[in-house]
Amino acid sequence: MTAIDGSGTARARCVLAPNPSLMTLDGTNTWLIAEPGAEPAIVVDPGPDDPAHLDRVRATAAEAGQRIEKIVLTHGHADHSAGARQLAELTGAPVLAVDPQYRLGAADALGPGDSVRAGGCELRVIETPGHTSDSVCLLLEADGAVLTGDTVLGRGTTVIAGDGNLGDYLRSLDRLRALADEPGLRALLPGHGPLLTEPAPTLDYYIAHRAERLAAVEAALDAGCRTLASIVERVYVNVDRALWPFAEWSVRAQLAYLGERGALPPGVEIPGVLPGPLPHPLGVHQQHRLGVQLYPAAGDEVGQCLVHRLP
């Protein structure tokens, strides 16, 4: 396990899942949330359906004298949610989620401003669609922390998934950035990668990065590019061609965003579904090497600490 495992705040502890890959960085961060000294606990994002990982989550809670009372999903992607059913069966805890297909037991929908409580500990739901349509973040106000799922990562920026939307994502980043200006917000607890202790600069970097990528796509359109392949070839000319399928997901989201605003020139092709899945996962160290190629770091402090997964 890495330094990510066991990190956290007074009320949040990370249990790192053993599923490292190009898409998951070091693995999925499962968060165990509880009031100090209290028995009831909340698990946020149980991670993959890995019996050893789920046993470790339960053992970590038991060692602290805690009992898992609720399970919460930041979104439905399998690397965050696949273990939820098994963990619910093992603990009797309900599974709370935005998307009803992931809810189990006596679980209500998660809506903006809702609170999830256990033993005096409270998580407040922040609506943050964009990475997926069902993405939420969770404010742990007592610790000045936000659990961000895949909306903000500990290293790099996130991909806009097939059911996600760049416009929604930009609005979600603005919502989190406004929250970062409030007194007391000290940390972002991501779904992948290390804890971030500078919320405002991190979010500023995310917002600036998206604007830069969008400007590059617009420049490619102005130069006459009309297909995903031609835009990627121009924008990512200095990147290993083996990584271009990843870039196509980002470019597709950017074209859809421009199309919603009537800003696409005639003849632009936006496929409804990209052909085939993303390439197979790679090991963490290999993904870091490729990440540097695909996303050269910005010159500022935040940029230097981030290695990008996808455009």
C-alpha atoms as a PDB file:
ATOM      1  CA  MET A   1       0.000   0.000   0.000  1.00  0.00           C
ATOM      2  CA  THR A   2       1.099   3.607  -0.599  1.00  0.00           C
ATOM      3  CA  ALA A   3       1.010   6.713   1.573  1.00  0.00           C
ATOM      4  CA  ILE A   4      -2.488   7.295   0.203  1.00  0.00           C
ATOM      5  CA  ASP A   5      -3.707   4.313   2.198  1.00  0.00           C
ATOM      6  CA  GLY A   6      -4.586   5.384   5.741  1.00  0.00           C
ATOM      7  CA  SER A   7      -4.465   9.092   4.896  1.00  0.00           C
ATOM      8  CA  GLY A   8      -7.329  11.424   5.689  1.00  0.00           C
ATOM      9  CA  THR A   9      -8.674  13.751   8.348  1.00  0.00           C
ATOM     10  CA  ALA A  10      -9.973  13.410  11.900  1.00  0.00           C
ATOM     11  CA  ARG A  11     -13.211  11.852  10.615  1.00  0.00           C
ATOM     12  CA  ALA A  12     -12.186  10.374   7.245  1.00  0.00           C
ATOM     13  CA  ARG A  13      -9.759   7.538   6.607  1.00  0.00           C
ATOM     14  CA  CYS A  14      -8.765   6.157   3.202  1.00  0.00           C
ATOM     15  CA  VAL A  15      -8.690   2.415   2.545  1.00  0.00           C
ATOM     16  CA  LEU A  16      -6.971   2.080  -0.843  1.00  0.00           C
ATOM     17  CA  ALA A  17      -8.377  -0.599  -3.145  1.00  0.00           C
ATOM     18  CA  PRO A  18      -5.863  -2.864  -4.944  1.00  0.00           C
ATOM     19  CA  ASN A  19      -7.050  -1.924  -8.441  1.00  0.00           C
ATOM     20  CA  PRO A  20      -4.318   0.326  -9.895  1.00  0.00           C
ATOM     21  CA  SER A  21      -4.601   1.119 -13.604  1.00  0.00           C
ATOM     22  CA  LEU A  22      -4.398   3.887 -16.156  1.00  0.00           C
ATOM     23  CA  MET A  23      -7.957   4.875 -15.275  1.00  0.00           C
ATOM     24  CA  THR A  24      -7.771   4.452 -11.488  1.00  0.00           C
ATOM     25  CA  LEU A  25      -4.251   5.745 -10.733  1.00  0.00           C
ATOM     26  CA  ASP A  26      -3.020   4.018  -7.545  1.00  0.00           C
ATOM     27  CA  GLY A  27      -6.457   2.460  -7.048  1.00  0.00           C
ATOM     28  CA  THR A  28      -9.872   3.544  -5.803  1.00  0.00           C
ATOM     29  CA  ASN A  29      -9.986   5.465  -2.524  1.00  0.00           C
ATOM     30  CA  THR A  30     -12.649   3.966  -0.278  1.00  0.00           C
ATOM     31  CA  TRP A  31     -13.391   6.442   2.515  1.00  0.00           C
ATOM     32  CA  LEU A  32     -14.431   5.386   6.009  1.00  0.00           C
ATOM     33  CA  ILE A  33     -16.222   8.273   7.757  1.00  0.00           C
ATOM     34  CA  ALA A  34     -17.038   8.397  11.470  1.00  0.00           C
ATOM     35  CA  GLU A  35     -17.203  10.786  14.372  1.00  0.00           C
ATOM     36  CA  PRO A  36     -14.192  10.259  16.677  1.00  0.00           C
ATOM     37  CA  GLY A  37     -15.153   7.792  19.385  1.00  0.00           C
ATOM     38  CA  ALA A  38     -18.504   6.968  17.805  1.00  0.00           C
ATOM     39  CA  GLU A  39     -19.528   3.505  16.642  1.00  0.00           C
ATOM     40  CA  PRO A  40     -21.627   4.217  13.499  1.00  0.00           C
ATOM     41  CA  ALA A  41     -19.627   4.773  10.304  1.00  0.00           C
ATOM     42  CA  ILE A  42     -20.283   5.633   6.665  1.00  0.00           C
ATOM     43  CA  VAL A  43     -18.419   4.064   3.769  1.00  0.00           C
ATOM     44  CA  VAL A  44     -18.069   6.271   0.699  1.00  0.00           C
ATOM     45  CA  ASP A  45     -17.319   4.374  -2.539  1.00  0.00           C
ATOM     46  CA  PRO A  46     -16.718   0.724  -1.541  1.00  0.00           C
ATOM     47  CA  GLY A  47     -14.664   0.278  -4.697  1.00  0.00           C
ATOM     48  CA  PRO A  48     -14.404  -2.858  -6.838  1.00  0.00           C
ATOM     49  CA  ASP A  49     -16.048  -6.168  -6.047  1.00  0.00           C
ATOM     50  CA  ASP A  50     -12.889  -7.481  -4.430  1.00  0.00           C
ATOM     51  CA  PRO A  51     -13.540  -9.689  -1.357  1.00  0.00           C
ATOM     52  CA  ALA A  52     -10.116  -8.982   0.129  1.00  0.00           C
ATOM     53  CA  HIS A  53     -10.626  -5.231  -0.157  1.00  0.00           C
ATOM     54  CA  LEU A  54     -14.117  -5.370   1.329  1.00  0.00           C
ATOM     55  CA  ASP A  55     -12.812  -7.519   4.200  1.00  0.00           C
ATOM     56  CA  ARG A  56     -10.111  -4.927   4.789  1.00  0.00           C
ATOM     57  CA  VAL A  57     -12.663  -2.101   4.859  1.00  0.00           C
ATOM     58  CA  ARG A  58     -14.659  -3.983   7.491  1.00  0.00           C
ATOM     59  CA  ALA A  59     -11.527  -4.844   9.463  1.00  0.00           C
ATOM     60  CA  THR A  60     -10.388  -1.208   9.449  1.00  0.00           C
ATOM     61  CA  ALA A  61     -13.761  -0.162  10.848  1.00  0.00           C
ATOM     62  CA  ALA A  62     -13.730  -2.944  13.441  1.00  0.00           C
ATOM     63  CA  GLU A  63     -10.228  -2.054  14.630  1.00  0.00           C
ATOM     64  CA  ALA A  64     -11.485   1.473  15.314  1.00  0.00           C
ATOM     65  CA  GLY A  65     -14.537   0.162  17.169  1.00  0.00           C
ATOM     66  CA  GLN A  66     -16.829   1.220  14.325  1.00  0.00           C
ATOM     67  CA  ARG A  67     -19.820  -0.379  12.646  1.00  0.00           C
ATOM     68  CA  ILE A  68     -20.653   0.376   9.000  1.00  0.00           C
ATOM     69  CA  GLU A  69     -24.150   1.876   9.074  1.00  0.00           C
ATOM     70  CA  LYS A  70     -24.451   3.427   5.601  1.00  0.00           C
ATOM     71  CA  ILE A  71     -22.809   3.133   2.190  1.00  0.00           C
ATOM     72  CA  VAL A  72     -22.728   6.133  -0.158  1.00  0.00           C
ATOM     73  CA  LEU A  73     -21.714   6.276  -3.830  1.00  0.00           C
ATOM     74  CA  THR A  74     -20.273   9.414  -5.423  1.00  0.00           C
ATOM     75  CA  HIS A  75     -21.284   7.927  -8.803  1.00  0.00           C
ATOM     76  CA  GLY A  76     -22.011   4.580 -10.395  1.00  0.00           C
ATOM     77  CA  HIS A  77     -18.764   3.658 -12.151  1.00  0.00           C
ATOM     78  CA  ALA A  78     -17.753   0.117 -11.302  1.00  0.00           C
ATOM     79  CA  ASP A  79     -14.410   1.028  -9.746  1.00  0.00           C
ATOM     80  CA  HIS A  80     -16.420   2.920  -7.099  1.00  0.00           C
ATOM     81  CA  SER A  81     -19.655   0.951  -6.886  1.00  0.00           C
ATOM     82  CA  ALA A  82     -19.142  -2.709  -7.814  1.00  0.00           C
ATOM     83  CA  GLY A  83     -18.385  -3.737  -4.231  1.00  0.00           C
ATOM     84  CA  ALA A  84     -21.451  -2.003  -2.798  1.00  0.00           C
ATOM     85  CA  ARG A  85     -23.852  -4.939  -3.007  1.00  0.00           C
ATOM     86  CA  GLN A  86     -21.443  -7.359  -1.347  1.00  0.00           C
ATOM     87  CA  LEU A  87     -20.558  -4.867   1.384  1.00  0.00           C
ATOM     88  CA  ALA A  88     -24.258  -4.219   1.982  1.00  0.00           C
ATOM     89  CA  GLU A  89     -24.874  -7.944   2.353  1.00  0.00           C
ATOM     90  CA  LEU A  90     -21.964  -8.265   4.774  1.00  0.00           C
ATOM     91  CA  THR A  91     -22.973  -5.306   6.944  1.00  0.00           C
ATOM     92  CA  GLY A  92     -26.716  -4.832   6.454  1.00  0.00           C
ATOM     93  CA  ALA A  93     -26.072  -1.207   5.513  1.00  0.00           C
ATOM     94  CA  PRO A  94     -28.209   0.478   2.834  1.00  0.00           C
ATOM     95  CA  VAL A  95     -26.566   1.896  -0.293  1.00  0.00           C
ATOM     96  CA  LEU A  96     -27.360   5.536  -1.066  1.00  0.00           C
ATOM     97  CA  ALA A  97     -26.868   6.869  -4.592  1.00  0.00           C
ATOM     98  CA  VAL A  98     -28.229   9.382  -7.073  1.00  0.00           C
ATOM     99  CA  ASP A  99     -29.024   6.708  -9.660  1.00  0.00           C
ATOM    100  CA  PRO A 100     -31.801   4.392  -8.411  1.00  0.00           C
ATOM    101  CA  GLN A 101     -30.216   1.341 -10.041  1.00  0.00           C
ATOM    102  CA  TYR A 102     -27.415   1.474  -7.452  1.00  0.00           C
ATOM    103  CA  ARG A 103     -29.568   1.978  -4.344  1.00  0.00           C
ATOM    104  CA  LEU A 104     -30.054  -0.946  -1.999  1.00  0.00           C
ATOM    105  CA  GLY A 105     -32.042  -1.407   1.180  1.00  0.00           C
ATOM    106  CA  ALA A 106     -34.042   1.401   2.721  1.00  0.00           C
ATOM    107  CA  ALA A 107     -32.076   4.031   0.849  1.00  0.00           C
ATOM    108  CA  ASP A 108     -33.404   7.357  -0.359  1.00  0.00           C
ATOM    109  CA  ALA A 109     -32.157   9.269  -3.358  1.00  0.00           C
ATOM    110  CA  LEU A 110     -29.236  11.628  -2.866  1.00  0.00           C
ATOM    111  CA  GLY A 111     -30.218  15.168  -3.762  1.00  0.00           C
ATOM    112  CA  PRO A 112     -28.510  18.576  -3.560  1.00  0.00           C
ATOM    113  CA  GLY A 113     -28.247  19.734   0.038  1.00  0.00           C
ATOM    114  CA  ASP A 114     -29.275  16.384   1.501  1.00  0.00           C
ATOM    115  CA  SER A 115     -27.431  15.205   4.583  1.00  0.00           C
ATOM    116  CA  VAL A 116     -26.167  11.718   5.319  1.00  0.00           C
ATOM    117  CA  ARG A 117     -25.688  11.226   9.060  1.00  0.00           C
ATOM    118  CA  ALA A 118     -24.241   8.490  11.258  1.00  0.00           C
ATOM    119  CA  GLY A 119     -23.392   8.788  14.938  1.00  0.00           C
ATOM    120  CA  GLY A 120     -23.204  12.573  14.890  1.00  0.00           C
ATOM    121  CA  CYS A 121     -21.090  12.716  11.734  1.00  0.00           C
ATOM    122  CA  GLU A 122     -22.663  14.498   8.764  1.00  0.00           C
ATOM    123  CA  LEU A 123     -21.962  14.542   5.029  1.00  0.00           C
ATOM    124  CA  ARG A 124     -23.761  17.151   2.919  1.00  0.00           C
ATOM    125  CA  VAL A 125     -24.496  16.315  -0.715  1.00  0.00           C
ATOM    126  CA  ILE A 126     -23.194  18.707  -3.386  1.00  0.00           C
ATOM    127  CA  GLU A 127     -24.606  18.165  -6.872  1.00  0.00           C
ATOM    128  CA  THR A 128     -21.631  17.932  -9.264  1.00  0.00           C
ATOM    129  CA  PRO A 129     -22.644  16.261 -12.538  1.00  0.00           C
ATOM    130  CA  GLY A 130     -20.228  16.308 -15.452  1.00  0.00           C
ATOM    131  CA  HIS A 131     -17.842  13.386 -15.128  1.00  0.00           C
ATOM    132  CA  THR A 132     -21.059  11.365 -15.101  1.00  0.00           C
ATOM    133  CA  SER A 133     -24.668  12.474 -14.928  1.00  0.00           C
ATOM    134  CA  ASP A 134     -24.988  11.039 -11.391  1.00  0.00           C
ATOM    135  CA  SER A 135     -21.816  12.475  -9.822  1.00  0.00           C
ATOM    136  CA  VAL A 136     -21.949  14.109  -6.409  1.00  0.00           C
ATOM    137  CA  CYS A 137     -19.400  15.424  -3.939  1.00  0.00           C
ATOM    138  CA  LEU A 138     -19.817  15.234  -0.165  1.00  0.00           C
ATOM    139  CA  LEU A 139     -18.973  18.026   2.257  1.00  0.00           C
ATOM    140  CA  LEU A 140     -17.538  16.869   5.574  1.00  0.00           C
ATOM    141  CA  GLU A 141     -17.872  20.274   7.171  1.00  0.00           C
ATOM    142  CA  ALA A 142     -16.569  19.245  10.592  1.00  0.00           C
ATOM    143  CA  ASP A 143     -13.164  18.528   9.008  1.00  0.00           C
ATOM    144  CA  GLY A 144     -13.254  21.274   6.385  1.00  0.00           C
ATOM    145  CA  ALA A 145     -13.097  18.634   3.658  1.00  0.00           C
ATOM    146  CA  VAL A 146     -14.938  17.632   0.485  1.00  0.00           C
ATOM    147  CA  LEU A 147     -14.999  14.079  -0.832  1.00  0.00           C
ATOM    148  CA  THR A 148     -14.843  14.625  -4.587  1.00  0.00           C
ATOM    149  CA  GLY A 149     -15.188  11.177  -6.177  1.00  0.00           C
ATOM    150  CA  ASP A 150     -13.950  11.514  -9.755  1.00  0.00           C
ATOM    151  CA  THR A 151     -14.914  15.178 -10.115  1.00  0.00           C
ATOM    152  CA  VAL A 152     -11.493  16.202  -8.774  1.00  0.00           C
ATOM    153  CA  LEU A 153      -8.583  13.766  -8.592  1.00  0.00           C
ATOM    154  CA  GLY A 154      -5.521  13.747  -6.371  1.00  0.00           C
ATOM    155  CA  ARG A 155      -3.363  13.612  -9.511  1.00  0.00           C
ATOM    156  CA  GLY A 156      -4.563  14.777 -12.875  1.00  0.00           C
ATOM    157  CA  THR A 157      -7.883  15.754 -14.385  1.00  0.00           C
ATOM    158  CA  THR A 158     -10.846  13.534 -15.061  1.00  0.00           C
ATOM    159  CA  VAL A 159     -12.440  12.316 -18.272  1.00  0.00           C
ATOM    160  CA  ILE A 160     -15.989  13.232 -19.273  1.00  0.00           C
ATOM    161  CA  ALA A 161     -17.676   9.838 -19.472  1.00  0.00           C
ATOM    162  CA  GLY A 162     -20.230   8.752 -22.073  1.00  0.00           C
ATOM    163  CA  ASP A 163     -23.187   9.996 -20.024  1.00  0.00           C
ATOM    164  CA  GLY A 164     -21.283  13.034 -18.759  1.00  0.00           C
ATOM    165  CA  ASN A 165     -21.385  16.590 -20.038  1.00  0.00           C
ATOM    166  CA  LEU A 166     -18.656  19.209 -20.224  1.00  0.00           C
ATOM    167  CA  GLY A 167     -21.032  22.119 -19.589  1.00  0.00           C
ATOM    168  CA  ASP A 168     -22.301  20.416 -16.437  1.00  0.00           C
ATOM    169  CA  TYR A 169     -18.729  19.674 -15.407  1.00  0.00           C
ATOM    170  CA  LEU A 170     -17.610  23.295 -15.778  1.00  0.00           C
ATOM    171  CA  ARG A 171     -20.568  24.445 -13.684  1.00  0.00           C
ATOM    172  CA  SER A 172     -19.700  21.831 -11.054  1.00  0.00           C
ATOM    173  CA  LEU A 173     -16.118  23.093 -10.907  1.00  0.00           C
ATOM    174  CA  ASP A 174     -17.422  26.641 -10.456  1.00  0.00           C
ATOM    175  CA  ARG A 175     -19.685  25.400  -7.641  1.00  0.00           C
ATOM    176  CA  LEU A 176     -16.746  23.771  -5.864  1.00  0.00           C
ATOM    177  CA  ARG A 177     -14.544  26.814  -6.471  1.00  0.00           C
ATOM    178  CA  ALA A 178     -17.126  29.027  -4.762  1.00  0.00           C
ATOM    179  CA  LEU A 179     -17.176  26.603  -1.841  1.00  0.00           C
ATOM    180  CA  ALA A 180     -13.372  26.808  -1.638  1.00  0.00           C
ATOM    181  CA  ASP A 181     -13.672  30.519  -0.863  1.00  0.00           C
ATOM    182  CA  GLU A 182     -15.667  29.793   2.267  1.00  0.00           C
ATOM    183  CA  PRO A 183     -13.729  29.866   5.548  1.00  0.00           C
ATOM    184  CA  GLY A 184     -12.647  26.502   6.840  1.00  0.00           C
ATOM    185  CA  LEU A 185     -12.361  24.419   3.670  1.00  0.00           C
ATOM    186  CA  ARG A 186      -8.933  22.826   3.975  1.00  0.00           C
ATOM    187  CA  ALA A 187      -8.862  19.597   1.975  1.00  0.00           C
ATOM    188  CA  LEU A 188     -10.200  17.681  -1.006  1.00  0.00           C
ATOM    189  CA  LEU A 189     -10.507  13.914  -0.503  1.00  0.00           C
ATOM    190  CA  PRO A 190     -10.528  12.444  -4.035  1.00  0.00           C
ATOM    191  CA  GLY A 191     -11.701   9.120  -5.413  1.00  0.00           C
ATOM    192  CA  HIS A 192      -8.201   8.452  -6.781  1.00  0.00           C
ATOM    193  CA  GLY A 193      -4.799   9.796  -5.812  1.00  0.00           C
ATOM    194  CA  PRO A 194      -3.579  11.646  -2.709  1.00  0.00           C
ATOM    195  CA  LEU A 195      -5.440  14.084  -0.487  1.00  0.00           C
ATOM    196  CA  LEU A 196      -5.176  17.707  -1.673  1.00  0.00           C
ATOM    197  CA  THR A 197      -4.585  20.442   0.900  1.00  0.00           C
ATOM    198  CA  GLU A 198      -5.015  23.488  -1.368  1.00  0.00           C
ATOM    199  CA  PRO A 199      -8.615  23.391  -2.647  1.00  0.00           C
ATOM    200  CA  ALA A 200      -8.729  26.848  -4.256  1.00  0.00           C
ATOM    201  CA  PRO A 201      -5.482  26.603  -6.307  1.00  0.00           C
ATOM    202  CA  THR A 202      -6.372  23.057  -7.344  1.00  0.00           C
ATOM    203  CA  LEU A 203      -9.778  24.113  -8.632  1.00  0.00           C
ATOM    204  CA  ASP A 204      -8.305  27.175 -10.331  1.00  0.00           C
ATOM    205  CA  TYR A 205      -5.944  24.829 -12.173  1.00  0.00           C
ATOM    206  CA  TYR A 206      -8.790  22.509 -13.185  1.00  0.00           C
ATOM    207  CA  ILE A 207     -10.832  25.400 -14.569  1.00  0.00           C
ATOM    208  CA  ALA A 208      -7.858  26.902 -16.435  1.00  0.00           C
ATOM    209  CA  HIS A 209      -6.878  23.503 -17.858  1.00  0.00           C
ATOM    210  CA  ARG A 210     -10.361  22.956 -19.307  1.00  0.00           C
ATOM    211  CA  ALA A 211     -10.316  26.413 -20.882  1.00  0.00           C
ATOM    212  CA  GLU A 212      -6.913  25.716 -22.464  1.00  0.00           C
ATOM    213  CA  ARG A 213      -8.027  22.373 -23.898  1.00  0.00           C
ATOM    214  CA  LEU A 214     -11.209  23.905 -25.286  1.00  0.00           C
ATOM    215  CA  ALA A 215      -9.217  26.726 -26.924  1.00  0.00           C
ATOM    216  CA  ALA A 216      -6.929  24.161 -28.571  1.00  0.00           C
ATOM    217  CA  VAL A 217      -9.916  22.298 -30.026  1.00  0.00           C
ATOM    218  CA  GLU A 218     -11.430  25.552 -31.282  1.00  0.00           C
ATOM    219  CA  ALA A 219      -8.119  26.404 -32.964  1.00  0.00           C
ATOM    220  CA  ALA A 220      -8.146  23.002 -34.681  1.00  0.00           C
ATOM    221  CA  LEU A 221     -11.677  23.674 -35.944  1.00  0.00           C
ATOM    222  CA  ASP A 222     -10.596  27.088 -37.231  1.00  0.00           C
ATOM    223  CA  ALA A 223      -7.789  25.319 -39.106  1.00  0.00           C
ATOM    224  CA  GLY A 224     -10.325  23.139 -40.920  1.00  0.00           C
ATOM    225  CA  CYS A 225     -10.368  19.939 -38.833  1.00  0.00           C
ATOM    226  CA  ARG A 226     -13.805  18.299 -38.855  1.00  0.00           C
ATOM    227  CA  THR A 227     -13.387  14.820 -37.336  1.00  0.00           C
ATOM    228  CA  LEU A 228     -12.278  13.489 -33.961  1.00  0.00           C
ATOM    229  CA  ALA A 229      -9.260  11.859 -35.560  1.00  0.00           C
ATOM    230  CA  SER A 230      -8.105  15.020 -37.333  1.00  0.00           C
ATOM    231  CA  ILE A 231      -8.575  17.186 -34.239  1.00  0.00           C
ATOM    232  CA  VAL A 232      -6.674  14.740 -32.058  1.00  0.00           C
ATOM    233  CA  GLU A 233      -3.913  14.516 -34.656  1.00  0.00           C
ATOM    234  CA  ARG A 234      -3.497  18.277 -34.563  1.00  0.00           C
ATOM    235  CA  VAL A 235      -3.944  18.948 -30.839  1.00  0.00           C
ATOM    236  CA  TYR A 236      -1.910  15.924 -29.694  1.00  0.00           C
ATOM    237  CA  VAL A 237       0.703  15.894 -32.438  1.00  0.00           C
ATOM    238  CA  ASN A 238       3.569  15.457 -29.964  1.00  0.00           C
ATOM    239  CA  VAL A 239       1.893  12.622 -28.061  1.00  0.00           C
ATOM    240  CA  ASP A 240       2.394   8.885 -28.609  1.00  0.00           C
ATOM    241  CA  ARG A 241      -0.291   7.764 -31.069  1.00  0.00           C
ATOM    242  CA  ALA A 242      -1.112   4.833 -28.774  1.00  0.00           C
ATOM    243  CA  LEU A 243      -2.666   7.382 -26.420  1.00  0.00           C
ATOM    244  CA  TRP A 244      -4.882   9.064 -28.987  1.00  0.00           C
ATOM    245  CA  PRO A 245      -7.964   6.909 -28.235  1.00  0.00           C
ATOM    246  CA  PHE A 246      -7.993   8.473 -24.757  1.00  0.00           C
ATOM    247  CA  ALA A 247      -7.819  11.952 -26.236  1.00  0.00           C
ATOM    248  CA  GLU A 248     -10.803  11.222 -28.485  1.00  0.00           C
ATOM    249  CA  TRP A 249     -13.060  10.920 -25.426  1.00  0.00           C
ATOM    250  CA  SER A 250     -12.114  14.404 -24.312  1.00  0.00           C
ATOM    251  CA  VAL A 251     -12.417  15.928 -27.768  1.00  0.00           C
ATOM    252  CA  ARG A 252     -15.860  14.373 -28.211  1.00  0.00           C
ATOM    253  CA  ALA A 253     -17.042  16.052 -24.983  1.00  0.00           C
ATOM    254  CA  GLN A 254     -15.604  19.392 -26.088  1.00  0.00           C
ATOM    255  CA  LEU A 255     -17.289  19.204 -29.494  1.00  0.00           C
ATOM    256  CA  ALA A 256     -20.611  18.362 -27.842  1.00  0.00           C
ATOM    257  CA  TYR A 257     -20.157  21.366 -25.550  1.00  0.00           C
ATOM    258  CA  LEU A 258     -19.517  23.670 -28.507  1.00  0.00           C
ATOM    259  CA  GLY A 259     -22.463  22.168 -30.376  1.00  0.00           C
ATOM    260  CA  GLU A 260     -24.816  22.920 -27.486  1.00  0.00           C
ATOM    261  CA  ARG A 261     -23.799  26.553 -27.854  1.00  0.00           C
ATOM    262  CA  GLY A 262     -24.160  26.687 -31.610  1.00  0.00           C
ATOM    263  CA  ALA A 263     -20.413  27.208 -31.978  1.00  0.00           C
ATOM    264  CA  LEU A 264     -19.563  24.314 -34.285  1.00  0.00           C
ATOM    265  CA  PRO A 265     -18.736  24.987 -37.944  1.00  0.00           C
ATOM    266  CA  PRO A 266     -20.601  22.988 -40.620  1.00  0.00           C
ATOM    267  CA  GLY A 267     -19.493  19.436 -41.293  1.00  0.00           C
ATOM    268  CA  VAL A 268     -18.188  18.515 -37.851  1.00  0.00           C
ATOM    269  CA  GLU A 269     -18.740  14.857 -36.969  1.00  0.00           C
ATOM    270  CA  ILE A 270     -19.603  13.946 -33.353  1.00  0.00           C
ATOM    271  CA  PRO A 271     -20.091  10.192 -32.999  1.00  0.00           C
ATOM    272  CA  GLY A 272     -22.798   9.200 -30.547  1.00  0.00           C
ATOM    273  CA  VAL A 273     -20.647   6.391 -29.175  1.00  0.00           C
ATOM    274  CA  LEU A 274     -16.936   6.003 -29.670  1.00  0.00           C
ATOM    275  CA  PRO A 275     -15.961   2.701 -31.279  1.00  0.00           C
ATOM    276  CA  GLY A 276     -14.793   0.108 -28.772  1.00  0.00           C
ATOM    277  CA  PRO A 277     -13.779   0.458 -25.127  1.00  0.00           C
ATOM    278  CA  LEU A 278     -10.877   2.448 -23.825  1.00  0.00           C
ATOM    279  CA  PRO A 279      -7.558   0.608 -24.067  1.00  0.00           C
ATOM    280  CA  HIS A 280      -6.754  -1.970 -21.405  1.00  0.00           C
ATOM    281  CA  PRO A 281      -5.532  -0.715 -18.021  1.00  0.00           C
ATOM    282  CA  LEU A 282      -1.830  -0.192 -17.426  1.00  0.00           C
ATOM    283  CA  GLY A 283       0.203  -0.394 -14.250  1.00  0.00           C
ATOM    284  CA  VAL A 284       0.522   2.691 -12.071  1.00  0.00           C
ATOM    285  CA  HIS A 285       4.153   3.462 -12.863  1.00  0.00           C
ATOM    286  CA  GLN A 286       3.582   3.024 -16.593  1.00  0.00           C
ATOM    287  CA  GLN A 287       0.494   5.208 -16.434  1.00  0.00           C
ATOM    288  CA  HIS A 288       2.456   7.985 -14.741  1.00  0.00           C
ATOM    289  CA  ARG A 289       5.025   7.902 -17.548  1.00  0.00           C
ATOM    290  CA  LEU A 290       2.313   8.040 -20.201  1.00  0.00           C
ATOM    291  CA  GLY A 291       0.442  10.695 -18.270  1.00  0.00           C
ATOM    292  CA  VAL A 292       3.407  13.035 -18.434  1.00  0.00           C
ATOM    293  CA  GLN A 293       3.518  12.561 -22.211  1.00  0.00           C
ATOM    294  CA  LEU A 294      -0.161  13.227 -22.672  1.00  0.00           C
ATOM    295  CA  TYR A 295      -0.429  16.178 -20.322  1.00  0.00           C
ATOM    296  CA  PRO A 296       2.717  18.237 -19.840  1.00  0.00           C
ATOM    297  CA  ALA A 297       2.481  19.883 -16.431  1.00  0.00           C
ATOM    298  CA  ALA A 298       1.723  23.569 -16.128  1.00  0.00           C
ATOM    299  CA  GLY A 299       4.376  25.828 -14.672  1.00  0.00           C
ATOM    300  CA  ASP A 300       2.526  26.731 -11.499  1.00  0.00           C
ATOM    301  CA  GLU A 301       2.771  24.824  -8.229  1.00  0.00           C
ATOM    302  CA  VAL A 302      -0.538  23.031  -8.641  1.00  0.00           C
ATOM    303  CA  GLY A 303       0.262  21.974 -12.183  1.00  0.00           C
ATOM    304  CA  GLN A 304       3.580  20.574 -11.137  1.00  0.00           C
ATOM    305  CA  CYS A 305       1.945  18.289  -8.581  1.00  0.00           C
ATOM    306  CA  LEU A 306      -0.658  16.913 -10.978  1.00  0.00           C
ATOM    307  CA  VAL A 307      -0.143  14.152 -13.524  1.00  0.00           C
ATOM    308  CA  HIS A 308      -3.067  13.983 -15.917  1.00  0.00           C
ATOM    309  CA  ARG A 309      -4.945  10.785 -16.646  1.00  0.00           C
ATOM    310  CA  LEU A 310      -6.922  12.019 -19.612  1.00  0.00           C
ATOM    311  CA  PRO A 311      -7.256  15.265 -21.579  1.00  0.00           C
END
